[in-house]
Amino acid sequence: MHFGEIQYFGDDNDFIDTRAEVGLLSRNVVFKGDDETSAINEYGATIFIHSSGDDSLTARLGYIECTLVGQAA
């Protein structure tokens, strides 16, 4: 079960969209930054994984290829 909704604050123009795409994939996945700008900007694709704040999150990434990802130190 996944939480996801649009939360409104104040008037209708103040909102946070907390919906996310979730998928169960049975094929290999390529996670790739932009070919033209990742090397120049030293900043590529990034994967964010968040818990609800209690440090109980466990994430397993398998069968993925990461190319042009991360950021320069």
PDB file of N, CA and C in Angstrom:
ATOM      1  N   MET A   1       0.832  -1.163   0.000  1.00  0.00           N
ATOM      2  CA  MET A   1       0.000   0.000   0.000  1.00  0.00           C
ATOM      3  C   MET A   1       0.891   1.245   0.000  1.00  0.00           C
ATOM      4  N   HIS A   2       0.589   2.230  -0.837  1.00  0.00           N
ATOM      5  CA  HIS A   2       1.401   3.433  -0.977  1.00  0.00           C
ATOM      6  C   HIS A   2       0.543   4.661  -0.747  1.00  0.00           C
ATOM      7  N   PHE A   3       1.106   5.615   0.006  1.00  0.00           N
ATOM      8  CA  PHE A   3       0.414   6.886   0.225  1.00  0.00           C
ATOM      9  C   PHE A   3       0.640   7.784  -0.977  1.00  0.00           C
ATOM     10  N   GLY A   4      -0.383   8.442  -1.435  1.00  0.00           N
ATOM     11  CA  GLY A   4      -0.226   9.390  -2.526  1.00  0.00           C
ATOM     12  C   GLY A   4      -1.476  10.212  -2.720  1.00  0.00           C
ATOM     13  N   GLU A   5      -1.346  11.521  -2.542  1.00  0.00           N
ATOM     14  CA  GLU A   5      -2.466  12.421  -2.780  1.00  0.00           C
ATOM     15  C   GLU A   5      -1.937  13.829  -2.962  1.00  0.00           C
ATOM     16  N   ILE A   6      -2.801  14.730  -3.372  1.00  0.00           N
ATOM     17  CA  ILE A   6      -2.463  16.142  -3.456  1.00  0.00           C
ATOM     18  C   ILE A   6      -2.942  16.793  -2.171  1.00  0.00           C
ATOM     19  N   GLN A   7      -2.027  17.415  -1.436  1.00  0.00           N
ATOM     20  CA  GLN A   7      -2.362  18.062  -0.172  1.00  0.00           C
ATOM     21  C   GLN A   7      -2.464  19.567  -0.405  1.00  0.00           C
ATOM     22  N   TYR A   8      -3.599  20.148  -0.051  1.00  0.00           N
ATOM     23  CA  TYR A   8      -3.836  21.581  -0.250  1.00  0.00           C
ATOM     24  C   TYR A   8      -3.638  22.342   1.044  1.00  0.00           C
ATOM     25  N   PHE A   9      -3.005  23.507   0.940  1.00  0.00           N
ATOM     26  CA  PHE A   9      -2.760  24.390   2.077  1.00  0.00           C
ATOM     27  C   PHE A   9      -3.231  25.788   1.701  1.00  0.00           C
ATOM     28  N   GLY A  10      -4.041  26.412   2.541  1.00  0.00           N
ATOM     29  CA  GLY A  10      -4.534  27.755   2.231  1.00  0.00           C
ATOM     30  C   GLY A  10      -5.490  27.714   1.058  1.00  0.00           C
ATOM     31  N   ASP A  11      -5.191  28.506   0.036  1.00  0.00           N
ATOM     32  CA  ASP A  11      -6.063  28.504  -1.142  1.00  0.00           C
ATOM     33  C   ASP A  11      -5.655  27.381  -2.097  1.00  0.00           C
ATOM     34  N   ASP A  12      -6.344  27.262  -3.205  1.00  0.00           N
ATOM     35  CA  ASP A  12      -6.104  26.155  -4.148  1.00  0.00           C
ATOM     36  C   ASP A  12      -4.761  26.245  -4.862  1.00  0.00           C
ATOM     37  N   ASN A  13      -4.071  27.376  -4.773  1.00  0.00           N
ATOM     38  CA  ASN A  13      -2.778  27.519  -5.446  1.00  0.00           C
ATOM     39  C   ASN A  13      -1.616  26.995  -4.610  1.00  0.00           C
ATOM     40  N   ASP A  14      -1.843  26.709  -3.327  1.00  0.00           N
ATOM     41  CA  ASP A  14      -0.805  26.188  -2.448  1.00  0.00           C
ATOM     42  C   ASP A  14      -1.048  24.705  -2.226  1.00  0.00           C
ATOM     43  N   PHE A  15      -0.254  23.859  -2.871  1.00  0.00           N
ATOM     44  CA  PHE A  15      -0.439  22.421  -2.710  1.00  0.00           C
ATOM     45  C   PHE A  15       0.891  21.700  -2.860  1.00  0.00           C
ATOM     46  N   ILE A  16       0.939  20.493  -2.331  1.00  0.00           N
ATOM     47  CA  ILE A  16       2.078  19.595  -2.505  1.00  0.00           C
ATOM     48  C   ILE A  16       1.537  18.302  -3.092  1.00  0.00           C
ATOM     49  N   ASP A  17       2.094  17.917  -4.219  1.00  0.00           N
ATOM     50  CA  ASP A  17       1.698  16.673  -4.874  1.00  0.00           C
ATOM     51  C   ASP A  17       2.611  15.566  -4.367  1.00  0.00           C
ATOM     52  N   THR A  18       2.096  14.665  -3.539  1.00  0.00           N
ATOM     53  CA  THR A  18       2.900  13.596  -2.947  1.00  0.00           C
ATOM     54  C   THR A  18       2.694  12.254  -3.652  1.00  0.00           C
ATOM     55  N   ARG A  19       2.104  12.300  -4.823  1.00  0.00           N
ATOM     56  CA  ARG A  19       1.931  11.052  -5.576  1.00  0.00           C
ATOM     57  C   ARG A  19       3.236  10.695  -6.277  1.00  0.00           C
ATOM     58  N   ALA A  20       3.492   9.418  -6.425  1.00  0.00           N
ATOM     59  CA  ALA A  20       4.700   8.952  -7.104  1.00  0.00           C
ATOM     60  C   ALA A  20       4.356   7.767  -7.976  1.00  0.00           C
ATOM     61  N   GLU A  21       5.178   7.555  -8.969  1.00  0.00           N
ATOM     62  CA  GLU A  21       5.003   6.388  -9.814  1.00  0.00           C
ATOM     63  C   GLU A  21       5.697   5.211  -9.151  1.00  0.00           C
ATOM     64  N   VAL A  22       4.989   4.112  -9.031  1.00  0.00           N
ATOM     65  CA  VAL A  22       5.523   2.903  -8.413  1.00  0.00           C
ATOM     66  C   VAL A  22       5.285   1.779  -9.399  1.00  0.00           C
ATOM     67  N   GLY A  23       6.309   0.971  -9.612  1.00  0.00           N
ATOM     68  CA  GLY A  23       6.140  -0.114 -10.564  1.00  0.00           C
ATOM     69  C   GLY A  23       6.867  -1.361 -10.126  1.00  0.00           C
ATOM     70  N   LEU A  24       6.338  -2.475 -10.468  1.00  0.00           N
ATOM     71  CA  LEU A  24       6.999  -3.748 -10.254  1.00  0.00           C
ATOM     72  C   LEU A  24       7.432  -4.221 -11.631  1.00  0.00           C
ATOM     73  N   LEU A  25       8.721  -4.220 -11.845  1.00  0.00           N
ATOM     74  CA  LEU A  25       9.238  -4.522 -13.172  1.00  0.00           C
ATOM     75  C   LEU A  25       9.904  -5.889 -13.179  1.00  0.00           C
ATOM     76  N   SER A  26       9.711  -6.617 -14.237  1.00  0.00           N
ATOM     77  CA  SER A  26      10.326  -7.931 -14.354  1.00  0.00           C
ATOM     78  C   SER A  26      11.438  -7.936 -15.403  1.00  0.00           C
ATOM     79  N   ARG A  27      11.885  -6.752 -15.801  1.00  0.00           N
ATOM     80  CA  ARG A  27      12.975  -6.642 -16.779  1.00  0.00           C
ATOM     81  C   ARG A  27      14.084  -5.792 -16.178  1.00  0.00           C
ATOM     82  N   ASN A  28      15.269  -5.844 -16.776  1.00  0.00           N
ATOM     83  CA  ASN A  28      16.370  -4.990 -16.354  1.00  0.00           C
ATOM     84  C   ASN A  28      16.025  -3.537 -16.649  1.00  0.00           C
ATOM     85  N   VAL A  29      16.551  -2.623 -15.830  1.00  0.00           N
ATOM     86  CA  VAL A  29      16.251  -1.198 -15.957  1.00  0.00           C
ATOM     87  C   VAL A  29      17.551  -0.443 -16.158  1.00  0.00           C
ATOM     88  N   VAL A  30      17.551   0.505 -17.093  1.00  0.00           N
ATOM     89  CA  VAL A  30      18.676   1.406 -17.292  1.00  0.00           C
ATOM     90  C   VAL A  30      18.270   2.768 -16.750  1.00  0.00           C
ATOM     91  N   PHE A  31      19.032   3.253 -15.772  1.00  0.00           N
ATOM     92  CA  PHE A  31      18.789   4.556 -15.166  1.00  0.00           C
ATOM     93  C   PHE A  31      19.907   5.453 -15.656  1.00  0.00           C
ATOM     94  N   LYS A  32      19.562   6.461 -16.471  1.00  0.00           N
ATOM     95  CA  LYS A  32      20.586   7.196 -17.209  1.00  0.00           C
ATOM     96  C   LYS A  32      20.341   8.693 -17.169  1.00  0.00           C
ATOM     97  N   GLY A  33      21.424   9.465 -16.961  1.00  0.00           N
ATOM     98  CA  GLY A  33      21.356  10.916 -17.039  1.00  0.00           C
ATOM     99  C   GLY A  33      21.366  11.371 -18.486  1.00  0.00           C
ATOM    100  N   ASP A  34      21.268  12.663 -18.681  1.00  0.00           N
ATOM    101  CA  ASP A  34      21.226  13.248 -20.023  1.00  0.00           C
ATOM    102  C   ASP A  34      22.587  13.132 -20.706  1.00  0.00           C
ATOM    103  N   ASP A  35      22.618  12.632 -21.958  1.00  0.00           N
ATOM    104  CA  ASP A  35      23.866  12.451 -22.694  1.00  0.00           C
ATOM    105  C   ASP A  35      24.626  13.754 -22.911  1.00  0.00           C
ATOM    106  N   GLU A  36      23.926  14.835 -23.184  1.00  0.00           N
ATOM    107  CA  GLU A  36      24.566  16.092 -23.564  1.00  0.00           C
ATOM    108  C   GLU A  36      25.047  16.923 -22.383  1.00  0.00           C
ATOM    109  N   THR A  37      24.354  16.886 -21.249  1.00  0.00           N
ATOM    110  CA  THR A  37      24.679  17.829 -20.178  1.00  0.00           C
ATOM    111  C   THR A  37      25.231  17.200 -18.900  1.00  0.00           C
ATOM    112  N   SER A  38      25.094  15.906 -18.693  1.00  0.00           N
ATOM    113  CA  SER A  38      25.526  15.301 -17.428  1.00  0.00           C
ATOM    114  C   SER A  38      27.023  15.456 -17.181  1.00  0.00           C
ATOM    115  N   ALA A  39      27.855  15.202 -18.187  1.00  0.00           N
ATOM    116  CA  ALA A  39      29.305  15.301 -18.010  1.00  0.00           C
ATOM    117  C   ALA A  39      29.743  16.757 -17.856  1.00  0.00           C
ATOM    118  N   ILE A  40      29.136  17.669 -18.587  1.00  0.00           N
ATOM    119  CA  ILE A  40      29.497  19.086 -18.520  1.00  0.00           C
ATOM    120  C   ILE A  40      29.120  19.677 -17.168  1.00  0.00           C
ATOM    121  N   ASN A  41      27.917  19.406 -16.710  1.00  0.00           N
ATOM    122  CA  ASN A  41      27.426  19.956 -15.449  1.00  0.00           C
ATOM    123  C   ASN A  41      27.923  19.196 -14.230  1.00  0.00           C
ATOM    124  N   GLU A  42      28.532  18.034 -14.439  1.00  0.00           N
ATOM    125  CA  GLU A  42      28.972  17.143 -13.368  1.00  0.00           C
ATOM    126  C   GLU A  42      27.823  16.795 -12.423  1.00  0.00           C
ATOM    127  N   TYR A  43      26.639  16.672 -12.986  1.00  0.00           N
ATOM    128  CA  TYR A  43      25.454  16.324 -12.201  1.00  0.00           C
ATOM    129  C   TYR A  43      24.524  15.536 -13.100  1.00  0.00           C
ATOM    130  N   GLY A  44      24.332  14.273 -12.779  1.00  0.00           N
ATOM    131  CA  GLY A  44      23.477  13.436 -13.607  1.00  0.00           C
ATOM    132  C   GLY A  44      22.225  13.017 -12.873  1.00  0.00           C
ATOM    133  N   ALA A  45      21.621  11.950 -13.326  1.00  0.00           N
ATOM    134  CA  ALA A  45      20.397  11.441 -12.715  1.00  0.00           C
ATOM    135  C   ALA A  45      20.677  11.026 -11.272  1.00  0.00           C
ATOM    136  N   THR A  46      19.683  11.204 -10.398  1.00  0.00           N
ATOM    137  CA  THR A  46      19.820  10.879  -8.982  1.00  0.00           C
ATOM    138  C   THR A  46      18.591  10.104  -8.524  1.00  0.00           C
ATOM    139  N   ILE A  47      18.798   9.079  -7.720  1.00  0.00           N
ATOM    140  CA  ILE A  47      17.704   8.304  -7.160  1.00  0.00           C
ATOM    141  C   ILE A  47      17.520   8.737  -5.708  1.00  0.00           C
ATOM    142  N   PHE A  48      16.311   9.166  -5.347  1.00  0.00           N
ATOM    143  CA  PHE A  48      15.999   9.533  -3.975  1.00  0.00           C
ATOM    144  C   PHE A  48      15.087   8.467  -3.381  1.00  0.00           C
ATOM    145  N   ILE A  49      15.432   7.992  -2.199  1.00  0.00           N
ATOM    146  CA  ILE A  49      14.612   7.024  -1.486  1.00  0.00           C
ATOM    147  C   ILE A  49      14.404   7.576  -0.084  1.00  0.00           C
ATOM    148  N   HIS A  50      13.153   7.785   0.309  1.00  0.00           N
ATOM    149  CA  HIS A  50      12.850   8.434   1.573  1.00  0.00           C
ATOM    150  C   HIS A  50      12.024   7.534   2.487  1.00  0.00           C
ATOM    151  N   SER A  51      12.307   7.644   3.785  1.00  0.00           N
ATOM    152  CA  SER A  51      11.479   6.978   4.788  1.00  0.00           C
ATOM    153  C   SER A  51      10.521   7.998   5.374  1.00  0.00           C
ATOM    154  N   SER A  52       9.689   7.564   6.271  1.00  0.00           N
ATOM    155  CA  SER A  52       8.750   8.478   6.921  1.00  0.00           C
ATOM    156  C   SER A  52       9.415   9.236   8.061  1.00  0.00           C
ATOM    157  N   GLY A  53      10.718   9.129   8.211  1.00  0.00           N
ATOM    158  CA  GLY A  53      11.455   9.859   9.228  1.00  0.00           C
ATOM    159  C   GLY A  53      11.938   9.012  10.377  1.00  0.00           C
ATOM    160  N   ASP A  54      11.604   7.730  10.388  1.00  0.00           N
ATOM    161  CA  ASP A  54      12.000   6.881  11.514  1.00  0.00           C
ATOM    162  C   ASP A  54      13.156   5.939  11.175  1.00  0.00           C
ATOM    163  N   ASP A  55      13.839   6.187  10.068  1.00  0.00           N
ATOM    164  CA  ASP A  55      14.995   5.388   9.639  1.00  0.00           C
ATOM    165  C   ASP A  55      14.686   3.904   9.498  1.00  0.00           C
ATOM    166  N   SER A  56      13.461   3.566   9.140  1.00  0.00           N
ATOM    167  CA  SER A  56      13.079   2.167   9.001  1.00  0.00           C
ATOM    168  C   SER A  56      13.104   1.689   7.549  1.00  0.00           C
ATOM    169  N   LEU A  57      13.554   2.521   6.643  1.00  0.00           N
ATOM    170  CA  LEU A  57      13.491   2.211   5.215  1.00  0.00           C
ATOM    171  C   LEU A  57      14.589   1.235   4.810  1.00  0.00           C
ATOM    172  N   THR A  58      14.221   0.278   4.012  1.00  0.00           N
ATOM    173  CA  THR A  58      15.179  -0.615   3.374  1.00  0.00           C
ATOM    174  C   THR A  58      14.881  -0.600   1.886  1.00  0.00           C
ATOM    175  N   ALA A  59      15.897  -0.362   1.077  1.00  0.00           N
ATOM    176  CA  ALA A  59      15.714  -0.343  -0.376  1.00  0.00           C
ATOM    177  C   ALA A  59      16.667  -1.335  -1.018  1.00  0.00           C
ATOM    178  N   ARG A  60      16.169  -2.047  -1.968  1.00  0.00           N
ATOM    179  CA  ARG A  60      16.985  -2.995  -2.719  1.00  0.00           C
ATOM    180  C   ARG A  60      16.848  -2.663  -4.195  1.00  0.00           C
ATOM    181  N   LEU A  61      17.961  -2.353  -4.813  1.00  0.00           N
ATOM    182  CA  LEU A  61      17.985  -2.082  -6.243  1.00  0.00           C
ATOM    183  C   LEU A  61      18.800  -3.189  -6.891  1.00  0.00           C
ATOM    184  N   GLY A  62      18.190  -3.893  -7.793  1.00  0.00           N
ATOM    185  CA  GLY A  62      18.878  -4.985  -8.447  1.00  0.00           C
ATOM    186  C   GLY A  62      18.603  -4.990  -9.936  1.00  0.00           C
ATOM    187  N   TYR A  63      19.530  -5.531 -10.673  1.00  0.00           N
ATOM    188  CA  TYR A  63      19.400  -5.657 -12.115  1.00  0.00           C
ATOM    189  C   TYR A  63      19.204  -4.289 -12.768  1.00  0.00           C
ATOM    190  N   ILE A  64      19.971  -3.289 -12.289  1.00  0.00           N
ATOM    191  CA  ILE A  64      19.893  -1.960 -12.885  1.00  0.00           C
ATOM    192  C   ILE A  64      21.266  -1.572 -13.409  1.00  0.00           C
ATOM    193  N   GLU A  65      21.260  -0.754 -14.422  1.00  0.00           N
ATOM    194  CA  GLU A  65      22.486  -0.162 -14.958  1.00  0.00           C
ATOM    195  C   GLU A  65      22.373   1.340 -14.733  1.00  0.00           C
ATOM    196  N   CYS A  66      23.380   1.922 -14.078  1.00  0.00           N
ATOM    197  CA  CYS A  66      23.387   3.365 -13.813  1.00  0.00           C
ATOM    198  C   CYS A  66      24.494   4.000 -14.644  1.00  0.00           C
ATOM    199  N   THR A  67      24.111   4.915 -15.524  1.00  0.00           N
ATOM    200  CA  THR A  67      25.048   5.583 -16.415  1.00  0.00           C
ATOM    201  C   THR A  67      24.810   7.089 -16.342  1.00  0.00           C
ATOM    202  N   LEU A  68      25.878   7.876 -16.278  1.00  0.00           N
ATOM    203  CA  LEU A  68      25.792   9.339 -16.195  1.00  0.00           C
ATOM    204  C   LEU A  68      24.931   9.759 -15.013  1.00  0.00           C
ATOM    205  N   VAL A  69      25.247   9.219 -13.826  1.00  0.00           N
ATOM    206  CA  VAL A  69      24.454   9.485 -12.638  1.00  0.00           C
ATOM    207  C   VAL A  69      25.310  10.133 -11.545  1.00  0.00           C
ATOM    208  N   GLY A  70      24.665  10.640 -10.498  1.00  0.00           N
ATOM    209  CA  GLY A  70      25.343  11.199  -9.345  1.00  0.00           C
ATOM    210  C   GLY A  70      25.780  12.633  -9.545  1.00  0.00           C
ATOM    211  N   GLN A  71      26.714  13.088  -8.691  1.00  0.00           N
ATOM    212  CA  GLN A  71      27.201  14.450  -8.810  1.00  0.00           C
ATOM    213  C   GLN A  71      28.657  14.498  -8.375  1.00  0.00           C
ATOM    214  N   ALA A  72      29.373  15.527  -8.845  1.00  0.00           N
ATOM    215  CA  ALA A  72      30.781  15.691  -8.503  1.00  0.00           C
ATOM    216  C   ALA A  72      30.933  16.059  -7.039  1.00  0.00           C
ATOM    217  N   ALA A  73      32.030  15.664  -6.458  1.00  0.00           N
ATOM    218  CA  ALA A  73      32.259  15.969  -5.034  1.00  0.00           C
ATOM    219  C   ALA A  73      32.688  17.407  -4.841  1.00  0.00           C
TER     220      ALA A  73
END
